[in-house]
C-alpha atoms as a PDB file:
ATOM      1  CA  UNK A   1       0.000   0.000   0.000  1.00  0.00           C
ATOM      2  CA  UNK A   2       1.022   3.587  -0.675  1.00  0.00           C
ATOM      3  CA  UNK A   3      -0.511   6.649   0.933  1.00  0.00           C
ATOM      4  CA  UNK A   4      -0.502   9.964  -0.948  1.00  0.00           C
ATOM      5  CA  UNK A   5      -1.223  13.538   0.137  1.00  0.00           C
ATOM      6  CA  UNK A   6      -4.527  14.334  -1.570  1.00  0.00           C
ATOM      7  CA  UNK A   7      -7.459  12.615  -3.254  1.00  0.00           C
ATOM      8  CA  UNK A   8      -6.739  14.017  -6.717  1.00  0.00           C
ATOM      9  CA  UNK A   9      -3.133  12.810  -6.543  1.00  0.00           C
ATOM     10  CA  UNK A  10      -4.353   9.375  -5.445  1.00  0.00           C
ATOM     11  CA  UNK A  11      -6.885   9.166  -8.281  1.00  0.00           C
ATOM     12  CA  UNK A  12      -4.495  10.354 -10.999  1.00  0.00           C
ATOM     13  CA  UNK A  13      -1.700   8.039  -9.835  1.00  0.00           C
ATOM     14  CA  UNK A  14      -4.024   5.028  -9.675  1.00  0.00           C
ATOM     15  CA  UNK A  15      -5.289   5.921 -13.162  1.00  0.00           C
ATOM     16  CA  UNK A  16      -1.703   6.051 -14.444  1.00  0.00           C
ATOM     17  CA  UNK A  17      -0.897   2.702 -12.872  1.00  0.00           C
ATOM     18  CA  UNK A  18      -4.014   1.146 -14.417  1.00  0.00           C
ATOM     19  CA  UNK A  19      -2.929   2.468 -17.835  1.00  0.00           C
ATOM     20  CA  UNK A  20       0.362   0.623 -17.258  1.00  0.00           C
ATOM     21  CA  UNK A  21      -1.495  -2.630 -16.428  1.00  0.00           C
ATOM     22  CA  UNK A  22      -0.927  -2.410 -12.652  1.00  0.00           C
ATOM     23  CA  UNK A  23      -4.097  -3.301 -10.776  1.00  0.00           C
ATOM     24  CA  UNK A  24      -4.874  -1.131  -7.761  1.00  0.00           C
ATOM     25  CA  UNK A  25      -7.761  -0.651  -5.372  1.00  0.00           C
ATOM     26  CA  UNK A  26      -8.798   1.885  -2.790  1.00  0.00           C
ATOM     27  CA  UNK A  27      -9.370   1.112   0.844  1.00  0.00           C
ATOM     28  CA  UNK A  28     -12.558   1.392   2.858  1.00  0.00           C
ATOM     29  CA  UNK A  29     -11.146   3.837   5.392  1.00  0.00           C
ATOM     30  CA  UNK A  30      -8.830   6.062   3.353  1.00  0.00           C
ATOM     31  CA  UNK A  31      -9.275   7.054  -0.300  1.00  0.00           C
ATOM     32  CA  UNK A  32      -5.743   8.468  -0.305  1.00  0.00           C
ATOM     33  CA  UNK A  33      -4.277   4.977   0.053  1.00  0.00           C
ATOM     34  CA  UNK A  34      -3.472   2.982  -3.083  1.00  0.00           C
ATOM     35  CA  UNK A  35      -3.526  -0.771  -2.574  1.00  0.00           C
ATOM     36  CA  UNK A  36      -1.898  -3.062  -5.121  1.00  0.00           C
ATOM     37  CA  UNK A  37      -3.921  -6.048  -6.351  1.00  0.00           C
ATOM     38  CA  UNK A  38      -3.926  -8.975  -6.116  1.00  0.00           C
ATOM     39  CA  UNK A  39      -2.404  -9.334  -2.700  1.00  0.00           C
ATOM     40  CA  UNK A  40      -0.614 -12.549  -3.579  1.00  0.00           C
ATOM     41  CA  UNK A  41       3.100 -13.175  -3.274  1.00  0.00           C
ATOM     42  CA  UNK A  42       4.925 -11.798  -6.311  1.00  0.00           C
ATOM     43  CA  UNK A  43       8.441 -12.150  -7.636  1.00  0.00           C
ATOM     44  CA  UNK A  44      11.220  -9.635  -7.086  1.00  0.00           C
ATOM     45  CA  UNK A  45      11.128  -8.781 -10.803  1.00  0.00           C
ATOM     46  CA  UNK A  46       7.391  -8.049 -10.576  1.00  0.00           C
ATOM     47  CA  UNK A  47       8.073  -5.707  -7.655  1.00  0.00           C
ATOM     48  CA  UNK A  48      10.733  -3.895  -9.696  1.00  0.00           C
ATOM     49  CA  UNK A  49       8.302  -3.601 -12.626  1.00  0.00           C
ATOM     50  CA  UNK A  50       5.565  -2.142 -10.407  1.00  0.00           C
ATOM     51  CA  UNK A  51       7.975   0.377  -8.869  1.00  0.00           C
ATOM     52  CA  UNK A  52       9.122   1.445 -12.334  1.00  0.00           C
ATOM     53  CA  UNK A  53       5.545   1.839 -13.536  1.00  0.00           C
ATOM     54  CA  UNK A  54       4.642   3.772 -10.383  1.00  0.00           C
ATOM     55  CA  UNK A  55       7.562   6.145 -11.030  1.00  0.00           C
ATOM     56  CA  UNK A  56       6.210   6.714 -14.555  1.00  0.00           C
ATOM     57  CA  UNK A  57       2.644   7.236 -13.303  1.00  0.00           C
ATOM     58  CA  UNK A  58       3.825   9.711 -10.655  1.00  0.00           C
ATOM     59  CA  UNK A  59       5.844  11.651 -13.249  1.00  0.00           C
ATOM     60  CA  UNK A  60       2.772  11.887 -15.496  1.00  0.00           C
ATOM     61  CA  UNK A  61       0.604  12.955 -12.539  1.00  0.00           C
ATOM     62  CA  UNK A  62       3.145  15.610 -11.588  1.00  0.00           C
ATOM     63  CA  UNK A  63       2.989  17.054 -15.120  1.00  0.00           C
ATOM     64  CA  UNK A  64      -0.806  16.845 -15.289  1.00  0.00           C
ATOM     65  CA  UNK A  65      -1.356  18.556 -11.918  1.00  0.00           C
ATOM     66  CA  UNK A  66       1.529  21.021 -12.300  1.00  0.00           C
ATOM     67  CA  UNK A  67       3.120  20.059  -8.979  1.00  0.00           C
END
């Protein structure tokens, strides 16, 4: 799980991850938390791929929101 500062940042980042084929979900208690799906055990390479895709999604979100 990753927690971000505001709802718009959370939404845009999750949208960017989805566009990069990374499944995410919100949580019941905090919409600013991005949860990665499925919650199964994944390989180290998969973790590296997700981190790389998250970096790309965050860079796009930064440009889109001018932050």
